[in-house]
PDB file of N, CA and C in Angstrom:
ATOM      1  N   UNK A   1     -20.074 -29.891 -23.071  1.00  0.00           N
ATOM      2  CA  UNK A   1     -19.048 -30.317 -22.108  1.00  0.00           C
ATOM      3  C   UNK A   1     -19.701 -31.223 -21.059  1.00  0.00           C
ATOM      4  N   UNK A   2     -19.135 -32.414 -20.861  1.00  0.00           N
ATOM      5  CA  UNK A   2     -19.700 -33.340 -19.868  1.00  0.00           C
ATOM      6  C   UNK A   2     -19.493 -32.808 -18.448  1.00  0.00           C
ATOM      7  N   UNK A   3     -20.432 -33.153 -17.569  1.00  0.00           N
ATOM      8  CA  UNK A   3     -20.295 -32.710 -16.186  1.00  0.00           C
ATOM      9  C   UNK A   3     -19.286 -33.589 -15.438  1.00  0.00           C
ATOM     10  N   UNK A   4     -19.034 -33.235 -14.196  1.00  0.00           N
ATOM     11  CA  UNK A   4     -18.011 -33.913 -13.381  1.00  0.00           C
ATOM     12  C   UNK A   4     -18.311 -35.399 -13.200  1.00  0.00           C
ATOM     13  N   UNK A   5     -19.577 -35.739 -12.950  1.00  0.00           N
ATOM     14  CA  UNK A   5     -19.924 -37.149 -12.745  1.00  0.00           C
ATOM     15  C   UNK A   5     -19.715 -37.973 -14.002  1.00  0.00           C
ATOM     16  N   UNK A   6     -20.080 -37.429 -15.154  1.00  0.00           N
ATOM     17  CA  UNK A   6     -19.876 -38.142 -16.415  1.00  0.00           C
ATOM     18  C   UNK A   6     -18.398 -38.353 -16.689  1.00  0.00           C
ATOM     19  N   UNK A   7     -17.606 -37.330 -16.449  1.00  0.00           N
ATOM     20  CA  UNK A   7     -16.161 -37.462 -16.677  1.00  0.00           C
ATOM     21  C   UNK A   7     -15.556 -38.493 -15.737  1.00  0.00           C
ATOM     22  N   UNK A   8     -15.992 -38.496 -14.477  1.00  0.00           N
ATOM     23  CA  UNK A   8     -15.457 -39.445 -13.504  1.00  0.00           C
ATOM     24  C   UNK A   8     -15.832 -40.885 -13.869  1.00  0.00           C
ATOM     25  N   UNK A   9     -17.078 -41.107 -14.254  1.00  0.00           N
ATOM     26  CA  UNK A   9     -17.493 -42.459 -14.628  1.00  0.00           C
ATOM     27  C   UNK A   9     -16.818 -42.930 -15.915  1.00  0.00           C
ATOM     28  N   UNK A  10     -16.631 -42.021 -16.864  1.00  0.00           N
ATOM     29  CA  UNK A  10     -15.932 -42.393 -18.099  1.00  0.00           C
ATOM     30  C   UNK A  10     -14.481 -42.777 -17.797  1.00  0.00           C
ATOM     31  N   UNK A  11     -13.829 -42.019 -16.926  1.00  0.00           N
ATOM     32  CA  UNK A  11     -12.456 -42.364 -16.536  1.00  0.00           C
ATOM     33  C   UNK A  11     -12.430 -43.667 -15.744  1.00  0.00           C
ATOM     34  N   UNK A  12     -13.463 -43.900 -14.952  1.00  0.00           N
ATOM     35  CA  UNK A  12     -13.534 -45.119 -14.147  1.00  0.00           C
ATOM     36  C   UNK A  12     -13.654 -46.366 -15.029  1.00  0.00           C
ATOM     37  N   UNK A  13     -14.246 -46.228 -16.204  1.00  0.00           N
ATOM     38  CA  UNK A  13     -14.315 -47.359 -17.139  1.00  0.00           C
ATOM     39  C   UNK A  13     -12.908 -47.875 -17.437  1.00  0.00           C
ATOM     40  N   UNK A  14     -11.982 -46.955 -17.657  1.00  0.00           N
ATOM     41  CA  UNK A  14     -10.603 -47.356 -17.963  1.00  0.00           C
ATOM     42  C   UNK A  14      -9.863 -47.822 -16.706  1.00  0.00           C
ATOM     43  N   UNK A  15     -10.017 -47.102 -15.606  1.00  0.00           N
ATOM     44  CA  UNK A  15      -9.258 -47.417 -14.390  1.00  0.00           C
ATOM     45  C   UNK A  15      -9.677 -48.763 -13.806  1.00  0.00           C
ATOM     46  N   UNK A  16     -10.985 -49.022 -13.779  1.00  0.00           N
ATOM     47  CA  UNK A  16     -11.456 -50.282 -13.195  1.00  0.00           C
ATOM     48  C   UNK A  16     -11.042 -51.481 -14.041  1.00  0.00           C
ATOM     49  N   UNK A  17     -10.674 -51.232 -15.288  1.00  0.00           N
ATOM     50  CA  UNK A  17     -10.252 -52.333 -16.155  1.00  0.00           C
ATOM     51  C   UNK A  17      -8.946 -52.968 -15.691  1.00  0.00           C
ATOM     52  N   UNK A  18      -8.181 -52.280 -14.847  1.00  0.00           N
ATOM     53  CA  UNK A  18      -6.966 -52.887 -14.300  1.00  0.00           C
ATOM     54  C   UNK A  18      -7.307 -53.986 -13.299  1.00  0.00           C
ATOM     55  N   UNK A  19      -8.508 -53.929 -12.723  1.00  0.00           N
ATOM     56  CA  UNK A  19      -8.914 -54.896 -11.707  1.00  0.00           C
ATOM     57  C   UNK A  19      -9.895 -55.933 -12.263  1.00  0.00           C
ATOM     58  N   UNK A  20     -10.857 -55.472 -13.048  1.00  0.00           N
ATOM     59  CA  UNK A  20     -11.795 -56.380 -13.718  1.00  0.00           C
ATOM     60  C   UNK A  20     -11.828 -55.959 -15.177  1.00  0.00           C
ATOM     61  N   UNK A  21     -11.188 -56.706 -16.001  1.00  0.00           N
ATOM     62  CA  UNK A  21     -10.982 -56.312 -17.397  1.00  0.00           C
ATOM     63  C   UNK A  21     -12.307 -56.154 -18.136  1.00  0.00           C
ATOM     64  N   UNK A  22     -13.261 -57.026 -17.892  1.00  0.00           N
ATOM     65  CA  UNK A  22     -14.488 -57.020 -18.671  1.00  0.00           C
ATOM     66  C   UNK A  22     -15.716 -56.583 -17.871  1.00  0.00           C
ATOM     67  N   UNK A  23     -15.920 -57.155 -16.702  1.00  0.00           N
ATOM     68  CA  UNK A  23     -17.171 -56.976 -15.966  1.00  0.00           C
ATOM     69  C   UNK A  23     -17.366 -55.557 -15.429  1.00  0.00           C
ATOM     70  N   UNK A  24     -16.345 -54.975 -14.825  1.00  0.00           N
ATOM     71  CA  UNK A  24     -16.471 -53.630 -14.260  1.00  0.00           C
ATOM     72  C   UNK A  24     -16.814 -52.578 -15.303  1.00  0.00           C
ATOM     73  N   UNK A  25     -16.015 -52.472 -16.383  1.00  0.00           N
ATOM     74  CA  UNK A  25     -16.354 -51.506 -17.426  1.00  0.00           C
ATOM     75  C   UNK A  25     -17.708 -51.779 -18.080  1.00  0.00           C
ATOM     76  N   UNK A  26     -18.062 -53.061 -18.225  1.00  0.00           N
ATOM     77  CA  UNK A  26     -19.346 -53.403 -18.832  1.00  0.00           C
ATOM     78  C   UNK A  26     -20.510 -52.908 -17.981  1.00  0.00           C
ATOM     79  N   UNK A  27     -20.421 -53.092 -16.663  1.00  0.00           N
ATOM     80  CA  UNK A  27     -21.502 -52.647 -15.781  1.00  0.00           C
ATOM     81  C   UNK A  27     -21.668 -51.130 -15.814  1.00  0.00           C
ATOM     82  N   UNK A  28     -20.566 -50.406 -15.752  1.00  0.00           N
ATOM     83  CA  UNK A  28     -20.651 -48.942 -15.809  1.00  0.00           C
ATOM     84  C   UNK A  28     -21.259 -48.507 -17.132  1.00  0.00           C
ATOM     85  N   UNK A  29     -20.790 -49.087 -18.206  1.00  0.00           N
ATOM     86  CA  UNK A  29     -21.273 -48.696 -19.530  1.00  0.00           C
ATOM     87  C   UNK A  29     -22.749 -49.036 -19.712  1.00  0.00           C
ATOM     88  N   UNK A  30     -23.156 -50.234 -19.310  1.00  0.00           N
ATOM     89  CA  UNK A  30     -24.553 -50.634 -19.506  1.00  0.00           C
ATOM     90  C   UNK A  30     -25.525 -49.803 -18.675  1.00  0.00           C
ATOM     91  N   UNK A  31     -25.136 -49.470 -17.450  1.00  0.00           N
ATOM     92  CA  UNK A  31     -26.042 -48.715 -16.588  1.00  0.00           C
ATOM     93  C   UNK A  31     -26.109 -47.237 -16.945  1.00  0.00           C
ATOM     94  N   UNK A  32     -25.067 -46.681 -17.542  1.00  0.00           N
ATOM     95  CA  UNK A  32     -25.026 -45.240 -17.777  1.00  0.00           C
ATOM     96  C   UNK A  32     -25.050 -44.816 -19.244  1.00  0.00           C
ATOM     97  N   UNK A  33     -25.032 -45.757 -20.175  1.00  0.00           N
ATOM     98  CA  UNK A  33     -24.941 -45.376 -21.587  1.00  0.00           C
ATOM     99  C   UNK A  33     -26.179 -44.656 -22.089  1.00  0.00           C
ATOM    100  N   UNK A  34     -27.345 -44.962 -21.544  1.00  0.00           N
ATOM    101  CA  UNK A  34     -28.568 -44.312 -21.997  1.00  0.00           C
ATOM    102  C   UNK A  34     -28.711 -42.897 -21.457  1.00  0.00           C
ATOM    103  N   UNK A  35     -28.116 -42.629 -20.308  1.00  0.00           N
ATOM    104  CA  UNK A  35     -28.258 -41.304 -19.706  1.00  0.00           C
ATOM    105  C   UNK A  35     -27.151 -40.338 -20.120  1.00  0.00           C
ATOM    106  N   UNK A  36     -26.069 -40.836 -20.721  1.00  0.00           N
ATOM    107  CA  UNK A  36     -24.958 -39.965 -21.081  1.00  0.00           C
ATOM    108  C   UNK A  36     -24.287 -40.446 -22.366  1.00  0.00           C
ATOM    109  N   UNK A  37     -24.286 -39.592 -23.362  1.00  0.00           N
ATOM    110  CA  UNK A  37     -23.612 -39.953 -24.611  1.00  0.00           C
ATOM    111  C   UNK A  37     -22.096 -39.970 -24.425  1.00  0.00           C
ATOM    112  N   UNK A  38     -21.590 -39.202 -23.458  1.00  0.00           N
ATOM    113  CA  UNK A  38     -20.155 -39.167 -23.185  1.00  0.00           C
ATOM    114  C   UNK A  38     -19.687 -40.519 -22.623  1.00  0.00           C
ATOM    115  N   UNK A  39     -20.418 -41.062 -21.677  1.00  0.00           N
ATOM    116  CA  UNK A  39     -20.077 -42.370 -21.108  1.00  0.00           C
ATOM    117  C   UNK A  39     -20.268 -43.457 -22.162  1.00  0.00           C
ATOM    118  N   UNK A  40     -21.298 -43.318 -22.981  1.00  0.00           N
ATOM    119  CA  UNK A  40     -21.520 -44.280 -24.066  1.00  0.00           C
ATOM    120  C   UNK A  40     -20.336 -44.283 -25.031  1.00  0.00           C
ATOM    121  N   UNK A  41     -19.835 -43.104 -25.374  1.00  0.00           N
ATOM    122  CA  UNK A  41     -18.691 -43.008 -26.281  1.00  0.00           C
ATOM    123  C   UNK A  41     -17.474 -43.723 -25.693  1.00  0.00           C
ATOM    124  N   UNK A  42     -17.153 -43.440 -24.435  1.00  0.00           N
ATOM    125  CA  UNK A  42     -15.960 -44.041 -23.832  1.00  0.00           C
ATOM    126  C   UNK A  42     -16.153 -45.530 -23.560  1.00  0.00           C
ATOM    127  N   UNK A  43     -17.373 -45.957 -23.286  1.00  0.00           N
ATOM    128  CA  UNK A  43     -17.630 -47.388 -23.141  1.00  0.00           C
ATOM    129  C   UNK A  43     -17.397 -48.124 -24.444  1.00  0.00           C
ATOM    130  N   UNK A  44     -17.910 -47.570 -25.536  1.00  0.00           N
ATOM    131  CA  UNK A  44     -17.686 -48.183 -26.844  1.00  0.00           C
ATOM    132  C   UNK A  44     -16.207 -48.176 -27.203  1.00  0.00           C
ATOM    133  N   UNK A  45     -15.551 -47.068 -26.922  1.00  0.00           N
ATOM    134  CA  UNK A  45     -14.125 -46.956 -27.235  1.00  0.00           C
ATOM    135  C   UNK A  45     -13.317 -47.997 -26.452  1.00  0.00           C
ATOM    136  N   UNK A  46     -13.652 -48.184 -25.165  1.00  0.00           N
ATOM    137  CA  UNK A  46     -12.934 -49.165 -24.360  1.00  0.00           C
ATOM    138  C   UNK A  46     -13.151 -50.581 -24.889  1.00  0.00           C
ATOM    139  N   UNK A  47     -14.387 -50.933 -25.213  1.00  0.00           N
ATOM    140  CA  UNK A  47     -14.640 -52.298 -25.665  1.00  0.00           C
ATOM    141  C   UNK A  47     -14.079 -52.550 -27.059  1.00  0.00           C
ATOM    142  N   UNK A  48     -14.061 -51.551 -27.915  1.00  0.00           N
ATOM    143  CA  UNK A  48     -13.353 -51.696 -29.194  1.00  0.00           C
ATOM    144  C   UNK A  48     -11.866 -51.941 -28.948  1.00  0.00           C
ATOM    145  N   UNK A  49     -11.308 -51.198 -27.995  1.00  0.00           N
ATOM    146  CA  UNK A  49      -9.910 -51.355 -27.594  1.00  0.00           C
ATOM    147  C   UNK A  49      -9.668 -52.764 -27.056  1.00  0.00           C
ATOM    148  N   UNK A  50     -10.541 -53.234 -26.176  1.00  0.00           N
ATOM    149  CA  UNK A  50     -10.390 -54.557 -25.577  1.00  0.00           C
ATOM    150  C   UNK A  50     -10.447 -55.655 -26.632  1.00  0.00           C
ATOM    151  N   UNK A  51     -11.430 -55.601 -27.514  1.00  0.00           N
ATOM    152  CA  UNK A  51     -11.551 -56.627 -28.552  1.00  0.00           C
ATOM    153  C   UNK A  51     -10.346 -56.601 -29.499  1.00  0.00           C
ATOM    154  N   UNK A  52      -9.887 -55.409 -29.831  1.00  0.00           N
ATOM    155  CA  UNK A  52      -8.729 -55.294 -30.730  1.00  0.00           C
ATOM    156  C   UNK A  52      -7.486 -55.898 -30.097  1.00  0.00           C
ATOM    157  N   UNK A  53      -7.263 -55.597 -28.823  1.00  0.00           N
ATOM    158  CA  UNK A  53      -6.056 -56.105 -28.179  1.00  0.00           C
ATOM    159  C   UNK A  53      -6.144 -57.588 -27.847  1.00  0.00           C
ATOM    160  N   UNK A  54      -7.335 -58.127 -27.721  1.00  0.00           N
ATOM    161  CA  UNK A  54      -7.476 -59.581 -27.607  1.00  0.00           C
ATOM    162  C   UNK A  54      -7.028 -60.237 -28.920  1.00  0.00           C
ATOM    163  N   UNK A  55      -7.444 -59.656 -30.028  1.00  0.00           N
ATOM    164  CA  UNK A  55      -7.024 -60.179 -31.341  1.00  0.00           C
ATOM    165  C   UNK A  55      -5.521 -60.034 -31.517  1.00  0.00           C
ATOM    166  N   UNK A  56      -4.965 -58.866 -31.164  1.00  0.00           N
ATOM    167  CA  UNK A  56      -3.518 -58.672 -31.268  1.00  0.00           C
ATOM    168  C   UNK A  56      -2.764 -59.674 -30.388  1.00  0.00           C
ATOM    169  N   UNK A  57      -3.258 -59.923 -29.197  1.00  0.00           N
ATOM    170  CA  UNK A  57      -2.617 -60.888 -28.305  1.00  0.00           C
ATOM    171  C   UNK A  57      -2.664 -62.297 -28.858  1.00  0.00           C
ATOM    172  N   UNK A  58      -3.791 -62.657 -29.451  1.00  0.00           N
ATOM    173  CA  UNK A  58      -3.921 -63.981 -30.057  1.00  0.00           C
ATOM    174  C   UNK A  58      -2.941 -64.148 -31.212  1.00  0.00           C
ATOM    175  N   UNK A  59      -2.834 -63.132 -32.043  1.00  0.00           N
ATOM    176  CA  UNK A  59      -1.882 -63.175 -33.162  1.00  0.00           C
ATOM    177  C   UNK A  59      -0.451 -63.255 -32.621  1.00  0.00           C
ATOM    178  N   UNK A  60      -0.148 -62.478 -31.579  1.00  0.00           N
ATOM    179  CA  UNK A  60       1.179 -62.535 -30.969  1.00  0.00           C
ATOM    180  C   UNK A  60       1.482 -63.902 -30.383  1.00  0.00           C
ATOM    181  N   UNK A  61       0.460 -64.525 -29.775  1.00  0.00           N
ATOM    182  CA  UNK A  61       0.643 -65.865 -29.228  1.00  0.00           C
ATOM    183  C   UNK A  61       0.947 -66.872 -30.334  1.00  0.00           C
ATOM    184  N   UNK A  62       0.241 -66.773 -31.447  1.00  0.00           N
ATOM    185  CA  UNK A  62       0.504 -67.671 -32.576  1.00  0.00           C
ATOM    186  C   UNK A  62       1.920 -67.440 -33.121  1.00  0.00           C
ATOM    187  N   UNK A  63       2.341 -66.175 -33.131  1.00  0.00           N
ATOM    188  CA  UNK A  63       3.672 -65.862 -33.654  1.00  0.00           C
ATOM    189  C   UNK A  63       4.803 -66.256 -32.698  1.00  0.00           C
ATOM    190  N   UNK A  64       4.461 -66.753 -31.507  1.00  0.00           N
ATOM    191  CA  UNK A  64       5.506 -67.285 -30.627  1.00  0.00           C
ATOM    192  C   UNK A  64       6.229 -68.461 -31.275  1.00  0.00           C
ATOM    193  N   UNK A  65       5.521 -69.184 -32.117  1.00  0.00           N
ATOM    194  CA  UNK A  65       6.107 -70.362 -32.754  1.00  0.00           C
ATOM    195  C   UNK A  65       7.168 -70.005 -33.786  1.00  0.00           C
ATOM    196  N   UNK A  66       7.145 -68.777 -34.278  1.00  0.00           N
ATOM    197  CA  UNK A  66       8.191 -68.338 -35.204  1.00  0.00           C
ATOM    198  C   UNK A  66       9.089 -67.280 -34.540  1.00  0.00           C
ATOM    199  N   UNK A  67       9.007 -67.191 -33.227  1.00  0.00           N
ATOM    200  CA  UNK A  67       9.861 -66.363 -32.376  1.00  0.00           C
ATOM    201  C   UNK A  67       9.627 -64.848 -32.492  1.00  0.00           C
ATOM    202  N   UNK A  68       8.720 -64.434 -33.332  1.00  0.00           N
ATOM    203  CA  UNK A  68       8.399 -63.012 -33.425  1.00  0.00           C
ATOM    204  C   UNK A  68       7.533 -62.592 -32.244  1.00  0.00           C
ATOM    205  N   UNK A  69       6.730 -63.511 -31.750  1.00  0.00           N
ATOM    206  CA  UNK A  69       5.819 -63.226 -30.655  1.00  0.00           C
ATOM    207  C   UNK A  69       6.513 -62.841 -29.365  1.00  0.00           C
ATOM    208  N   UNK A  70       7.758 -63.282 -29.169  1.00  0.00           N
ATOM    209  CA  UNK A  70       8.493 -62.926 -27.961  1.00  0.00           C
ATOM    210  C   UNK A  70       8.786 -61.426 -27.898  1.00  0.00           C
ATOM    211  N   UNK A  71       8.839 -60.798 -29.034  1.00  0.00           N
ATOM    212  CA  UNK A  71       9.008 -59.340 -29.091  1.00  0.00           C
ATOM    213  C   UNK A  71       7.650 -58.655 -29.140  1.00  0.00           C
ATOM    214  N   UNK A  72       6.729 -59.254 -29.857  1.00  0.00           N
ATOM    215  CA  UNK A  72       5.428 -58.641 -30.092  1.00  0.00           C
ATOM    216  C   UNK A  72       4.542 -58.617 -28.845  1.00  0.00           C
ATOM    217  N   UNK A  73       4.491 -59.694 -28.076  1.00  0.00           N
ATOM    218  CA  UNK A  73       3.611 -59.747 -26.912  1.00  0.00           C
ATOM    219  C   UNK A  73       3.945 -58.709 -25.838  1.00  0.00           C
ATOM    220  N   UNK A  74       5.204 -58.509 -25.462  1.00  0.00           N
ATOM    221  CA  UNK A  74       5.487 -57.441 -24.494  1.00  0.00           C
ATOM    222  C   UNK A  74       5.155 -56.048 -25.040  1.00  0.00           C
ATOM    223  N   UNK A  75       5.351 -55.860 -26.333  1.00  0.00           N
ATOM    224  CA  UNK A  75       5.012 -54.582 -26.953  1.00  0.00           C
ATOM    225  C   UNK A  75       3.501 -54.336 -26.922  1.00  0.00           C
ATOM    226  N   UNK A  76       2.720 -55.370 -27.170  1.00  0.00           N
ATOM    227  CA  UNK A  76       1.267 -55.269 -27.102  1.00  0.00           C
ATOM    228  C   UNK A  76       0.827 -54.940 -25.674  1.00  0.00           C
ATOM    229  N   UNK A  77       1.413 -55.622 -24.705  1.00  0.00           N
ATOM    230  CA  UNK A  77       1.061 -55.372 -23.304  1.00  0.00           C
ATOM    231  C   UNK A  77       1.413 -53.946 -22.889  1.00  0.00           C
ATOM    232  N   UNK A  78       2.556 -53.466 -23.301  1.00  0.00           N
ATOM    233  CA  UNK A  78       2.965 -52.098 -22.964  1.00  0.00           C
ATOM    234  C   UNK A  78       2.030 -51.075 -23.597  1.00  0.00           C
ATOM    235  N   UNK A  79       1.688 -51.275 -24.850  1.00  0.00           N
ATOM    236  CA  UNK A  79       0.759 -50.354 -25.524  1.00  0.00           C
ATOM    237  C   UNK A  79      -0.609 -50.368 -24.861  1.00  0.00           C
ATOM    238  N   UNK A  80      -1.093 -51.545 -24.485  1.00  0.00           N
ATOM    239  CA  UNK A  80      -2.394 -51.643 -23.820  1.00  0.00           C
ATOM    240  C   UNK A  80      -2.372 -50.890 -22.492  1.00  0.00           C
ATOM    241  N   UNK A  81      -1.298 -51.023 -21.735  1.00  0.00           N
ATOM    242  CA  UNK A  81      -1.170 -50.327 -20.457  1.00  0.00           C
ATOM    243  C   UNK A  81      -1.142 -48.809 -20.650  1.00  0.00           C
ATOM    244  N   UNK A  82      -0.340 -48.361 -21.589  1.00  0.00           N
ATOM    245  CA  UNK A  82      -0.209 -46.921 -21.839  1.00  0.00           C
ATOM    246  C   UNK A  82      -1.514 -46.331 -22.358  1.00  0.00           C
ATOM    247  N   UNK A  83      -2.157 -46.996 -23.324  1.00  0.00           N
ATOM    248  CA  UNK A  83      -3.399 -46.457 -23.887  1.00  0.00           C
ATOM    249  C   UNK A  83      -4.535 -46.466 -22.876  1.00  0.00           C
ATOM    250  N   UNK A  84      -4.533 -47.397 -21.935  1.00  0.00           N
ATOM    251  CA  UNK A  84      -5.550 -47.399 -20.890  1.00  0.00           C
ATOM    252  C   UNK A  84      -5.370 -46.191 -19.973  1.00  0.00           C
ATOM    253  N   UNK A  85      -4.141 -45.907 -19.594  1.00  0.00           N
ATOM    254  CA  UNK A  85      -3.880 -44.743 -18.737  1.00  0.00           C
ATOM    255  C   UNK A  85      -4.199 -43.441 -19.468  1.00  0.00           C
ATOM    256  N   UNK A  86      -3.784 -43.331 -20.710  1.00  0.00           N
ATOM    257  CA  UNK A  86      -4.068 -42.118 -21.493  1.00  0.00           C
ATOM    258  C   UNK A  86      -5.578 -41.956 -21.686  1.00  0.00           C
ATOM    259  N   UNK A  87      -6.278 -43.054 -21.942  1.00  0.00           N
ATOM    260  CA  UNK A  87      -7.729 -42.999 -22.090  1.00  0.00           C
ATOM    261  C   UNK A  87      -8.415 -42.505 -20.831  1.00  0.00           C
ATOM    262  N   UNK A  88      -7.956 -42.966 -19.665  1.00  0.00           N
ATOM    263  CA  UNK A  88      -8.537 -42.512 -18.395  1.00  0.00           C
ATOM    264  C   UNK A  88      -8.284 -41.025 -18.180  1.00  0.00           C
ATOM    265  N   UNK A  89      -7.082 -40.579 -18.463  1.00  0.00           N
ATOM    266  CA  UNK A  89      -6.748 -39.163 -18.280  1.00  0.00           C
ATOM    267  C   UNK A  89      -7.565 -38.293 -19.230  1.00  0.00           C
ATOM    268  N   UNK A  90      -7.638 -38.688 -20.483  1.00  0.00           N
ATOM    269  CA  UNK A  90      -8.397 -37.905 -21.464  1.00  0.00           C
ATOM    270  C   UNK A  90      -9.889 -37.905 -21.138  1.00  0.00           C
ATOM    271  N   UNK A  91     -10.417 -39.032 -20.671  1.00  0.00           N
ATOM    272  CA  UNK A  91     -11.834 -39.093 -20.305  1.00  0.00           C
ATOM    273  C   UNK A  91     -12.116 -38.165 -19.130  1.00  0.00           C
ATOM    274  N   UNK A  92     -11.215 -38.123 -18.164  1.00  0.00           N
ATOM    275  CA  UNK A  92     -11.406 -37.252 -17.004  1.00  0.00           C
ATOM    276  C   UNK A  92     -11.273 -35.782 -17.384  1.00  0.00           C
ATOM    277  N   UNK A  93     -10.461 -35.485 -18.385  1.00  0.00           N
ATOM    278  CA  UNK A  93     -10.308 -34.104 -18.838  1.00  0.00           C
ATOM    279  C   UNK A  93     -11.485 -33.638 -19.683  1.00  0.00           C
ATOM    280  N   UNK A  94     -12.336 -34.570 -20.131  1.00  0.00           N
ATOM    281  CA  UNK A  94     -13.495 -34.204 -20.922  1.00  0.00           C
ATOM    282  C   UNK A  94     -13.294 -34.334 -22.414  1.00  0.00           C
ATOM    283  N   UNK A  95     -12.209 -34.967 -22.836  1.00  0.00           N
ATOM    284  CA  UNK A  95     -11.926 -35.146 -24.260  1.00  0.00           C
ATOM    285  C   UNK A  95     -12.532 -36.451 -24.767  1.00  0.00           C
ATOM    286  N   UNK A  96     -12.911 -36.471 -26.022  1.00  0.00           N
ATOM    287  CA  UNK A  96     -13.353 -37.708 -26.648  1.00  0.00           C
ATOM    288  C   UNK A  96     -12.158 -38.310 -27.372  1.00  0.00           C
ATOM    289  N   UNK A  97     -11.358 -39.018 -26.624  1.00  0.00           N
ATOM    290  CA  UNK A  97     -10.098 -39.596 -27.102  1.00  0.00           C
ATOM    291  C   UNK A  97     -10.370 -40.837 -27.937  1.00  0.00           C
ATOM    292  N   UNK A  98      -9.741 -40.905 -29.097  1.00  0.00           N
ATOM    293  CA  UNK A  98      -9.809 -42.098 -29.951  1.00  0.00           C
ATOM    294  C   UNK A  98      -8.497 -42.859 -29.810  1.00  0.00           C
ATOM    295  N   UNK A  99      -8.596 -44.046 -29.270  1.00  0.00           N
ATOM    296  CA  UNK A  99      -7.415 -44.869 -29.055  1.00  0.00           C
ATOM    297  C   UNK A  99      -6.888 -45.328 -30.417  1.00  0.00           C
ATOM    298  N   UNK A 100      -5.592 -45.141 -30.668  1.00  0.00           N
ATOM    299  CA  UNK A 100      -5.054 -45.541 -31.982  1.00  0.00           C
ATOM    300  C   UNK A 100      -4.929 -47.062 -32.122  1.00  0.00           C
ATOM    301  N   UNK A 101      -4.903 -47.513 -33.350  1.00  0.00           N
ATOM    302  CA  UNK A 101      -4.658 -48.914 -33.726  1.00  0.00           C
ATOM    303  C   UNK A 101      -5.752 -49.878 -33.279  1.00  0.00           C
ATOM    304  N   UNK A 102      -7.007 -49.423 -33.184  1.00  0.00           N
ATOM    305  CA  UNK A 102      -8.066 -50.350 -32.800  1.00  0.00           C
ATOM    306  C   UNK A 102      -9.110 -50.442 -33.912  1.00  0.00           C
ATOM    307  N   UNK A 103      -9.819 -51.553 -33.898  1.00  0.00           N
ATOM    308  CA  UNK A 103     -10.906 -51.772 -34.838  1.00  0.00           C
ATOM    309  C   UNK A 103     -12.168 -51.156 -34.248  1.00  0.00           C
ATOM    310  N   UNK A 104     -12.915 -50.438 -35.046  1.00  0.00           N
ATOM    311  CA  UNK A 104     -14.165 -49.833 -34.583  1.00  0.00           C
ATOM    312  C   UNK A 104     -15.301 -50.807 -34.893  1.00  0.00           C
ATOM    313  N   UNK A 105     -15.674 -51.612 -33.909  1.00  0.00           N
ATOM    314  CA  UNK A 105     -16.716 -52.606 -34.076  1.00  0.00           C
ATOM    315  C   UNK A 105     -18.052 -52.068 -33.565  1.00  0.00           C
ATOM    316  N   UNK A 106     -18.032 -51.468 -32.400  1.00  0.00           N
ATOM    317  CA  UNK A 106     -19.267 -50.940 -31.784  1.00  0.00           C
ATOM    318  C   UNK A 106     -19.522 -49.519 -32.200  1.00  0.00           C
TER     319      UNK A 106
END
C-alpha cells in the first residue's frame, strides 16, 4: 500500500494536468519515478493516456471534413475530462487504475 505522500503525488499528476498538460506531470513523474513504483505506474498511465487522446483528437480533427468529427471531438474531450478526474481520485485512494481505451506505449 502506497503511503500518503505517494498517493498525493500520483493524484497530483492528474490534477496538475488541467493547468499544464505536459510539463507539470512530466516533472513530478521524472523526479519521483525512481523512488516510488506507485508514482511511476501513474506517470506512465497518464502519459499513455495523453498520447492516446492526442491521436484520438487528431483523428477527430481529420474527420471534421466528413462531419463525423463534430460529434467525435466533444465526446473525446468529455471522456478525457472524466478519465482525468477518475484517475486522480483512484490514485489518491491508492488504486492502480487502468484508464480504458488507451494504448500502452510506456
